[in-house]
Amino acid sequence: MAYTNAYSAYRETSIKTASQGQLIVMLYDGAVKNLDQAVILITQKKSQPKCDPGIIEKIGKSVIRAQEIITELTVSLDFDAGGDIAKNLFSLYTFFNQELLEANVSFDGERIKVVRDMVKSLRDSWQAIAQTEATPGGIAQGIALNIAS
């Protein structure tokens, strides 16, 4: 029990002290983790002759968590300062959520993998930006996000 409380406190401190770029990377990490889980569960579901309803519920929860994270990323966009980048990210996030909705209904692991790969690519780009954020005058200072620290 003490380990759980210690981990929760550590995680809370990590989030409170993270820069905007690091928070974005954490969100992407969460989306990737949930999409990976959904793909694993869909594979399990397809390998079973009789489907366990618990797996269906877990698939849905994993996909919905990823969609919630993508929605959080969407509402954090600052269109005034972000210009075309914010508009393009908005379009991508909308596409991701639509694909995940359809993949969740049809248990289509391949569609989830496509979204996961694209999210992972964005995550890696944000990781590079977040690393420059730590340097004085880093380029990430001009990134247009609307996330409260």
N, C-alpha and C. Protein backbone atom coordinates (compact mmCIF):
# COMPACT_ATOMS: atom_id res chain seq x y z
N MET A 1 0.82 -1.19 0.00
CA MET A 1 0.00 0.00 0.00
C MET A 1 0.86 1.26 0.00
N ALA A 2 1.94 1.23 0.78
CA ALA A 2 2.83 2.39 0.85
C ALA A 2 3.49 2.66 -0.49
N TYR A 3 3.78 1.57 -1.23
CA TYR A 3 4.38 1.74 -2.55
C TYR A 3 3.43 2.44 -3.51
N THR A 4 2.14 2.10 -3.42
CA THR A 4 1.14 2.72 -4.27
C THR A 4 1.06 4.21 -3.97
N ASN A 5 1.03 4.57 -2.69
CA ASN A 5 0.97 5.98 -2.31
C ASN A 5 2.23 6.72 -2.74
N ALA A 6 3.38 6.09 -2.59
CA ALA A 6 4.63 6.72 -2.99
C ALA A 6 4.66 6.94 -4.50
N TYR A 7 4.21 5.94 -5.25
CA TYR A 7 4.19 6.07 -6.70
C TYR A 7 3.23 7.19 -7.12
N SER A 8 2.06 7.23 -6.51
CA SER A 8 1.08 8.28 -6.83
C SER A 8 1.64 9.66 -6.54
N ALA A 9 2.32 9.80 -5.42
CA ALA A 9 2.93 11.09 -5.06
C ALA A 9 4.02 11.47 -6.06
N TYR A 10 4.83 10.49 -6.45
CA TYR A 10 5.89 10.73 -7.43
C TYR A 10 5.29 11.17 -8.76
N ARG A 11 4.26 10.46 -9.20
CA ARG A 11 3.62 10.78 -10.47
C ARG A 11 3.00 12.17 -10.44
N GLU A 12 2.35 12.50 -9.34
CA GLU A 12 1.72 13.81 -9.21
C GLU A 12 2.77 14.92 -9.25
N THR A 13 3.89 14.70 -8.58
CA THR A 13 4.98 15.68 -8.58
C THR A 13 5.57 15.82 -9.98
N SER A 14 5.72 14.70 -10.67
CA SER A 14 6.26 14.73 -12.04
C SER A 14 5.38 15.58 -12.95
N ILE A 15 4.08 15.43 -12.80
CA ILE A 15 3.15 16.18 -13.65
C ILE A 15 3.17 17.66 -13.28
N LYS A 16 3.18 17.96 -11.99
CA LYS A 16 3.14 19.36 -11.55
C LYS A 16 4.42 20.13 -11.92
N THR A 17 5.53 19.43 -12.01
CA THR A 17 6.80 20.10 -12.31
C THR A 17 7.21 20.00 -13.77
N ALA A 18 6.41 19.34 -14.59
CA ALA A 18 6.75 19.16 -16.01
C ALA A 18 6.50 20.44 -16.79
N SER A 19 7.31 20.63 -17.81
CA SER A 19 7.10 21.76 -18.73
C SER A 19 5.92 21.41 -19.65
N GLN A 20 5.47 22.39 -20.43
CA GLN A 20 4.38 22.13 -21.37
C GLN A 20 4.75 21.04 -22.36
N GLY A 21 5.95 21.08 -22.87
CA GLY A 21 6.40 20.06 -23.82
C GLY A 21 6.42 18.68 -23.19
N GLN A 22 6.88 18.59 -21.96
CA GLN A 22 6.91 17.30 -21.27
C GLN A 22 5.49 16.78 -21.01
N LEU A 23 4.56 17.68 -20.69
CA LEU A 23 3.17 17.28 -20.49
C LEU A 23 2.58 16.70 -21.78
N ILE A 24 2.88 17.33 -22.90
CA ILE A 24 2.39 16.83 -24.19
C ILE A 24 2.94 15.43 -24.45
N VAL A 25 4.23 15.23 -24.18
CA VAL A 25 4.85 13.91 -24.36
C VAL A 25 4.18 12.89 -23.46
N MET A 26 3.87 13.27 -22.22
CA MET A 26 3.18 12.35 -21.30
C MET A 26 1.81 11.96 -21.83
N LEU A 27 1.10 12.93 -22.40
CA LEU A 27 -0.20 12.63 -22.98
C LEU A 27 -0.06 11.65 -24.14
N TYR A 28 0.87 11.92 -25.03
CA TYR A 28 1.10 11.00 -26.15
C TYR A 28 1.50 9.61 -25.64
N ASP A 29 2.35 9.54 -24.61
CA ASP A 29 2.74 8.25 -24.04
C ASP A 29 1.51 7.48 -23.55
N GLY A 30 0.60 8.19 -22.90
CA GLY A 30 -0.62 7.55 -22.42
C GLY A 30 -1.48 7.02 -23.56
N ALA A 31 -1.58 7.80 -24.63
CA ALA A 31 -2.37 7.36 -25.79
C ALA A 31 -1.75 6.12 -26.41
N VAL A 32 -0.43 6.13 -26.60
CA VAL A 32 0.26 4.98 -27.20
C VAL A 32 0.08 3.74 -26.32
N LYS A 33 0.23 3.90 -25.03
CA LYS A 33 0.08 2.78 -24.09
C LYS A 33 -1.31 2.17 -24.20
N ASN A 34 -2.34 3.01 -24.23
CA ASN A 34 -3.71 2.50 -24.31
C ASN A 34 -4.00 1.86 -25.66
N LEU A 35 -3.45 2.42 -26.73
CA LEU A 35 -3.66 1.82 -28.05
C LEU A 35 -2.94 0.48 -28.16
N ASP A 36 -1.74 0.39 -27.59
CA ASP A 36 -1.04 -0.90 -27.57
C ASP A 36 -1.87 -1.94 -26.82
N GLN A 37 -2.43 -1.54 -25.69
CA GLN A 37 -3.26 -2.44 -24.89
C GLN A 37 -4.46 -2.91 -25.68
N ALA A 38 -5.11 -2.01 -26.41
CA ALA A 38 -6.28 -2.36 -27.20
C ALA A 38 -5.92 -3.38 -28.28
N VAL A 39 -4.79 -3.20 -28.93
CA VAL A 39 -4.36 -4.13 -29.98
C VAL A 39 -4.11 -5.52 -29.38
N ILE A 40 -3.44 -5.56 -28.24
CA ILE A 40 -3.18 -6.85 -27.56
C ILE A 40 -4.51 -7.54 -27.23
N LEU A 41 -5.45 -6.79 -26.69
CA LEU A 41 -6.74 -7.36 -26.31
C LEU A 41 -7.54 -7.82 -27.52
N ILE A 42 -7.48 -7.08 -28.62
CA ILE A 42 -8.19 -7.50 -29.84
C ILE A 42 -7.59 -8.81 -30.37
N THR A 43 -6.27 -8.93 -30.30
CA THR A 43 -5.62 -10.17 -30.72
C THR A 43 -6.08 -11.33 -29.85
N GLN A 44 -6.16 -11.10 -28.53
CA GLN A 44 -6.66 -12.14 -27.62
C GLN A 44 -8.10 -12.52 -27.96
N LYS A 45 -8.92 -11.52 -28.22
CA LYS A 45 -10.33 -11.75 -28.53
C LYS A 45 -10.46 -12.61 -29.77
N LYS A 46 -9.67 -12.31 -30.78
CA LYS A 46 -9.78 -13.06 -32.04
C LYS A 46 -9.25 -14.48 -31.92
N SER A 47 -8.38 -14.73 -30.94
CA SER A 47 -7.82 -16.07 -30.78
C SER A 47 -8.70 -17.00 -29.95
N GLN A 48 -9.74 -16.45 -29.35
CA GLN A 48 -10.64 -17.25 -28.52
C GLN A 48 -11.86 -17.68 -29.32
N PRO A 49 -12.22 -18.95 -29.22
CA PRO A 49 -13.41 -19.40 -29.95
C PRO A 49 -14.69 -18.72 -29.43
N LYS A 50 -14.79 -18.58 -28.11
CA LYS A 50 -15.93 -17.88 -27.52
C LYS A 50 -15.41 -16.63 -26.84
N CYS A 51 -15.96 -15.50 -27.23
CA CYS A 51 -15.44 -14.22 -26.75
C CYS A 51 -15.85 -13.95 -25.30
N ASP A 52 -14.87 -13.58 -24.51
CA ASP A 52 -15.10 -13.19 -23.12
C ASP A 52 -15.59 -11.74 -23.11
N PRO A 53 -16.77 -11.46 -22.54
CA PRO A 53 -17.28 -10.09 -22.50
C PRO A 53 -16.34 -9.13 -21.77
N GLY A 54 -15.55 -9.66 -20.84
CA GLY A 54 -14.60 -8.81 -20.13
C GLY A 54 -13.55 -8.23 -21.05
N ILE A 55 -13.14 -8.99 -22.05
CA ILE A 55 -12.15 -8.49 -23.02
C ILE A 55 -12.75 -7.36 -23.85
N ILE A 56 -14.00 -7.54 -24.25
CA ILE A 56 -14.67 -6.50 -25.03
C ILE A 56 -14.72 -5.19 -24.24
N GLU A 57 -15.04 -5.30 -22.96
CA GLU A 57 -15.09 -4.11 -22.11
C GLU A 57 -13.71 -3.46 -21.99
N LYS A 58 -12.67 -4.27 -21.81
CA LYS A 58 -11.31 -3.74 -21.67
C LYS A 58 -10.85 -3.08 -22.97
N ILE A 59 -11.20 -3.66 -24.11
CA ILE A 59 -10.86 -3.05 -25.40
C ILE A 59 -11.49 -1.67 -25.47
N GLY A 60 -12.79 -1.61 -25.18
CA GLY A 60 -13.50 -0.33 -25.22
C GLY A 60 -12.89 0.70 -24.31
N LYS A 61 -12.55 0.30 -23.09
CA LYS A 61 -11.96 1.24 -22.14
C LYS A 61 -10.61 1.75 -22.63
N SER A 62 -9.79 0.87 -23.18
CA SER A 62 -8.48 1.30 -23.68
C SER A 62 -8.61 2.29 -24.83
N VAL A 63 -9.49 2.00 -25.76
CA VAL A 63 -9.68 2.90 -26.91
C VAL A 63 -10.27 4.22 -26.44
N ILE A 64 -11.23 4.17 -25.54
CA ILE A 64 -11.85 5.41 -25.05
C ILE A 64 -10.84 6.27 -24.29
N ARG A 65 -9.98 5.65 -23.50
CA ARG A 65 -8.93 6.42 -22.80
C ARG A 65 -8.03 7.13 -23.81
N ALA A 66 -7.66 6.42 -24.88
CA ALA A 66 -6.83 7.04 -25.92
C ALA A 66 -7.58 8.20 -26.57
N GLN A 67 -8.87 8.01 -26.84
CA GLN A 67 -9.67 9.08 -27.43
C GLN A 67 -9.77 10.29 -26.50
N GLU A 68 -9.90 10.04 -25.21
CA GLU A 68 -9.95 11.14 -24.24
C GLU A 68 -8.65 11.93 -24.23
N ILE A 69 -7.54 11.23 -24.34
CA ILE A 69 -6.24 11.90 -24.38
C ILE A 69 -6.13 12.73 -25.65
N ILE A 70 -6.55 12.16 -26.77
CA ILE A 70 -6.50 12.90 -28.04
C ILE A 70 -7.42 14.12 -27.98
N THR A 71 -8.56 13.98 -27.33
CA THR A 71 -9.46 15.12 -27.16
C THR A 71 -8.80 16.20 -26.31
N GLU A 72 -8.09 15.79 -25.26
CA GLU A 72 -7.37 16.76 -24.42
C GLU A 72 -6.30 17.49 -25.25
N LEU A 73 -5.62 16.76 -26.10
CA LEU A 73 -4.63 17.40 -26.98
C LEU A 73 -5.32 18.38 -27.93
N THR A 74 -6.49 18.01 -28.40
CA THR A 74 -7.24 18.87 -29.33
C THR A 74 -7.64 20.18 -28.66
N VAL A 75 -8.19 20.10 -27.46
CA VAL A 75 -8.65 21.33 -26.80
C VAL A 75 -7.49 22.18 -26.31
N SER A 76 -6.29 21.63 -26.28
CA SER A 76 -5.13 22.41 -25.85
C SER A 76 -4.51 23.22 -26.98
N LEU A 77 -4.98 23.02 -28.19
CA LEU A 77 -4.42 23.76 -29.32
C LEU A 77 -4.77 25.24 -29.23
N ASP A 78 -3.79 26.07 -29.54
CA ASP A 78 -3.99 27.52 -29.56
C ASP A 78 -3.95 27.96 -31.03
N PHE A 79 -5.14 28.14 -31.61
CA PHE A 79 -5.23 28.45 -33.03
C PHE A 79 -4.70 29.83 -33.37
N ASP A 80 -4.80 30.77 -32.43
CA ASP A 80 -4.32 32.13 -32.69
C ASP A 80 -2.80 32.14 -32.86
N ALA A 81 -2.11 31.52 -31.95
CA ALA A 81 -0.65 31.51 -32.01
C ALA A 81 -0.10 30.37 -32.86
N GLY A 82 -0.87 29.29 -33.00
CA GLY A 82 -0.37 28.10 -33.67
C GLY A 82 -0.51 28.10 -35.18
N GLY A 83 -1.41 28.92 -35.69
CA GLY A 83 -1.59 29.02 -37.14
C GLY A 83 -1.86 27.70 -37.82
N ASP A 84 -1.14 27.46 -38.92
CA ASP A 84 -1.34 26.25 -39.72
C ASP A 84 -0.99 24.98 -38.96
N ILE A 85 0.00 25.05 -38.08
CA ILE A 85 0.37 23.86 -37.31
C ILE A 85 -0.80 23.42 -36.44
N ALA A 86 -1.42 24.36 -35.76
CA ALA A 86 -2.57 24.03 -34.91
C ALA A 86 -3.73 23.48 -35.76
N LYS A 87 -3.96 24.07 -36.91
CA LYS A 87 -5.04 23.59 -37.79
C LYS A 87 -4.75 22.18 -38.27
N ASN A 88 -3.51 21.90 -38.64
CA ASN A 88 -3.14 20.57 -39.11
C ASN A 88 -3.24 19.54 -38.00
N LEU A 89 -2.80 19.91 -36.80
CA LEU A 89 -2.92 19.00 -35.66
C LEU A 89 -4.39 18.73 -35.35
N PHE A 90 -5.22 19.76 -35.43
CA PHE A 90 -6.65 19.59 -35.20
C PHE A 90 -7.24 18.57 -36.18
N SER A 91 -6.85 18.70 -37.45
CA SER A 91 -7.33 17.75 -38.46
C SER A 91 -6.86 16.33 -38.16
N LEU A 92 -5.60 16.20 -37.77
CA LEU A 92 -5.06 14.88 -37.42
C LEU A 92 -5.79 14.28 -36.23
N TYR A 93 -5.98 15.07 -35.18
CA TYR A 93 -6.64 14.57 -33.98
C TYR A 93 -8.09 14.16 -34.29
N THR A 94 -8.76 14.93 -35.14
CA THR A 94 -10.12 14.58 -35.54
C THR A 94 -10.12 13.25 -36.30
N PHE A 95 -9.17 13.08 -37.19
CA PHE A 95 -9.01 11.82 -37.92
C PHE A 95 -8.75 10.67 -36.96
N PHE A 96 -7.85 10.87 -36.00
CA PHE A 96 -7.54 9.82 -35.02
C PHE A 96 -8.79 9.36 -34.28
N ASN A 97 -9.55 10.32 -33.78
CA ASN A 97 -10.74 9.96 -33.01
C ASN A 97 -11.79 9.26 -33.87
N GLN A 98 -11.93 9.67 -35.12
CA GLN A 98 -12.89 9.01 -36.02
C GLN A 98 -12.44 7.58 -36.30
N GLU A 99 -11.17 7.40 -36.59
CA GLU A 99 -10.64 6.06 -36.85
C GLU A 99 -10.79 5.16 -35.63
N LEU A 100 -10.50 5.70 -34.46
CA LEU A 100 -10.60 4.91 -33.24
C LEU A 100 -12.05 4.54 -32.93
N LEU A 101 -12.96 5.44 -33.20
CA LEU A 101 -14.37 5.14 -33.01
C LEU A 101 -14.78 3.96 -33.87
N GLU A 102 -14.44 4.02 -35.14
CA GLU A 102 -14.81 2.94 -36.06
C GLU A 102 -14.07 1.65 -35.74
N ALA A 103 -12.80 1.75 -35.37
CA ALA A 103 -12.01 0.56 -35.03
C ALA A 103 -12.54 -0.10 -33.77
N ASN A 104 -13.00 0.69 -32.83
CA ASN A 104 -13.53 0.16 -31.58
C ASN A 104 -14.81 -0.63 -31.83
N VAL A 105 -15.65 -0.13 -32.68
CA VAL A 105 -16.91 -0.80 -32.99
C VAL A 105 -16.67 -2.12 -33.72
N SER A 106 -15.68 -2.12 -34.63
CA SER A 106 -15.45 -3.31 -35.46
C SER A 106 -14.29 -4.19 -34.96
N PHE A 107 -13.69 -3.81 -33.84
CA PHE A 107 -12.52 -4.53 -33.29
C PHE A 107 -11.43 -4.68 -34.36
N ASP A 108 -11.12 -3.57 -35.01
CA ASP A 108 -10.13 -3.56 -36.10
C ASP A 108 -8.77 -3.13 -35.55
N GLY A 109 -7.96 -4.11 -35.21
CA GLY A 109 -6.64 -3.85 -34.65
C GLY A 109 -5.71 -3.14 -35.62
N GLU A 110 -5.88 -3.39 -36.92
CA GLU A 110 -5.01 -2.75 -37.91
C GLU A 110 -5.23 -1.24 -37.96
N ARG A 111 -6.48 -0.81 -37.86
CA ARG A 111 -6.77 0.63 -37.85
C ARG A 111 -6.18 1.27 -36.60
N ILE A 112 -6.29 0.57 -35.49
CA ILE A 112 -5.73 1.08 -34.25
C ILE A 112 -4.21 1.19 -34.37
N LYS A 113 -3.58 0.21 -35.00
CA LYS A 113 -2.12 0.25 -35.20
C LYS A 113 -1.70 1.44 -36.05
N VAL A 114 -2.47 1.75 -37.07
CA VAL A 114 -2.16 2.91 -37.93
C VAL A 114 -2.19 4.19 -37.10
N VAL A 115 -3.25 4.36 -36.32
CA VAL A 115 -3.36 5.55 -35.47
C VAL A 115 -2.23 5.56 -34.44
N ARG A 116 -1.96 4.42 -33.84
CA ARG A 116 -0.90 4.31 -32.84
C ARG A 116 0.45 4.73 -33.42
N ASP A 117 0.74 4.27 -34.63
CA ASP A 117 2.02 4.62 -35.26
C ASP A 117 2.12 6.13 -35.53
N MET A 118 1.01 6.72 -35.93
CA MET A 118 1.01 8.17 -36.19
C MET A 118 1.15 8.94 -34.88
N VAL A 119 0.46 8.49 -33.84
CA VAL A 119 0.57 9.14 -32.53
C VAL A 119 2.00 9.02 -32.01
N LYS A 120 2.60 7.85 -32.19
CA LYS A 120 3.98 7.61 -31.75
C LYS A 120 4.94 8.55 -32.49
N SER A 121 4.71 8.75 -33.76
CA SER A 121 5.55 9.66 -34.54
C SER A 121 5.43 11.10 -34.02
N LEU A 122 4.21 11.53 -33.73
CA LEU A 122 4.01 12.86 -33.15
C LEU A 122 4.67 12.95 -31.78
N ARG A 123 4.57 11.89 -30.99
CA ARG A 123 5.19 11.85 -29.67
C ARG A 123 6.69 12.04 -29.77
N ASP A 124 7.30 11.34 -30.72
CA ASP A 124 8.75 11.46 -30.89
C ASP A 124 9.16 12.88 -31.30
N SER A 125 8.34 13.51 -32.13
CA SER A 125 8.62 14.90 -32.51
C SER A 125 8.51 15.83 -31.31
N TRP A 126 7.47 15.64 -30.51
CA TRP A 126 7.30 16.47 -29.32
C TRP A 126 8.41 16.22 -28.30
N GLN A 127 8.89 14.99 -28.24
CA GLN A 127 10.00 14.68 -27.33
C GLN A 127 11.22 15.51 -27.72
N ALA A 128 11.50 15.60 -29.02
CA ALA A 128 12.63 16.41 -29.48
C ALA A 128 12.42 17.88 -29.14
N ILE A 129 11.20 18.36 -29.28
CA ILE A 129 10.88 19.75 -28.94
C ILE A 129 11.05 19.97 -27.44
N ALA A 130 10.55 19.03 -26.64
CA ALA A 130 10.63 19.17 -25.18
C ALA A 130 12.07 19.20 -24.71
N GLN A 131 12.95 18.48 -25.39
CA GLN A 131 14.36 18.49 -25.01
C GLN A 131 15.00 19.84 -25.27
N THR A 132 14.58 20.53 -26.33
CA THR A 132 15.13 21.86 -26.60
C THR A 132 14.55 22.90 -25.64
N GLU A 133 13.39 22.57 -25.06
CA GLU A 133 12.74 23.47 -24.13
C GLU A 133 13.62 23.75 -22.91
N ALA A 134 14.43 22.77 -22.54
CA ALA A 134 15.27 22.91 -21.35
C ALA A 134 16.43 23.87 -21.57
N THR A 135 16.76 24.14 -22.81
CA THR A 135 17.87 25.05 -23.08
C THR A 135 17.35 26.49 -23.13
N PRO A 136 18.14 27.46 -22.66
CA PRO A 136 17.70 28.85 -22.74
C PRO A 136 17.42 29.26 -24.18
N GLY A 137 16.28 29.86 -24.41
CA GLY A 137 15.92 30.31 -25.75
C GLY A 137 15.54 29.17 -26.67
N GLY A 138 15.19 28.01 -26.11
CA GLY A 138 14.81 26.85 -26.91
C GLY A 138 13.61 27.14 -27.78
N ILE A 139 13.51 26.44 -28.90
CA ILE A 139 12.45 26.72 -29.86
C ILE A 139 11.06 26.41 -29.31
N ALA A 140 10.98 25.57 -28.30
CA ALA A 140 9.67 25.19 -27.78
C ALA A 140 8.96 26.34 -27.09
N GLN A 141 9.68 27.41 -26.78
CA GLN A 141 9.03 28.54 -26.12
C GLN A 141 8.00 29.19 -27.02
N GLY A 142 8.14 29.05 -28.32
CA GLY A 142 7.19 29.65 -29.26
C GLY A 142 6.08 28.71 -29.68
N ILE A 143 6.06 27.49 -29.17
CA ILE A 143 5.03 26.54 -29.54
C ILE A 143 3.70 26.98 -28.94
N ALA A 144 2.66 26.92 -29.73
CA ALA A 144 1.36 27.43 -29.32
C ALA A 144 0.50 26.33 -28.72
N LEU A 145 0.54 26.23 -27.43
CA LEU A 145 -0.31 25.29 -26.70
C LEU A 145 -1.02 26.04 -25.60
N ASN A 146 -2.10 25.51 -25.17
CA ASN A 146 -2.91 26.18 -24.17
C ASN A 146 -3.11 25.25 -22.98
N ILE A 147 -2.00 24.74 -22.43
CA ILE A 147 -2.07 23.82 -21.30
C ILE A 147 -1.62 24.54 -20.05
N ALA A 148 -2.47 24.54 -19.06
CA ALA A 148 -2.12 25.19 -17.79
C ALA A 148 -1.14 24.32 -17.02
N SER A 149 -0.13 24.92 -16.48
CA SER A 149 0.86 24.18 -15.70
C SER A 149 0.42 24.04 -14.28
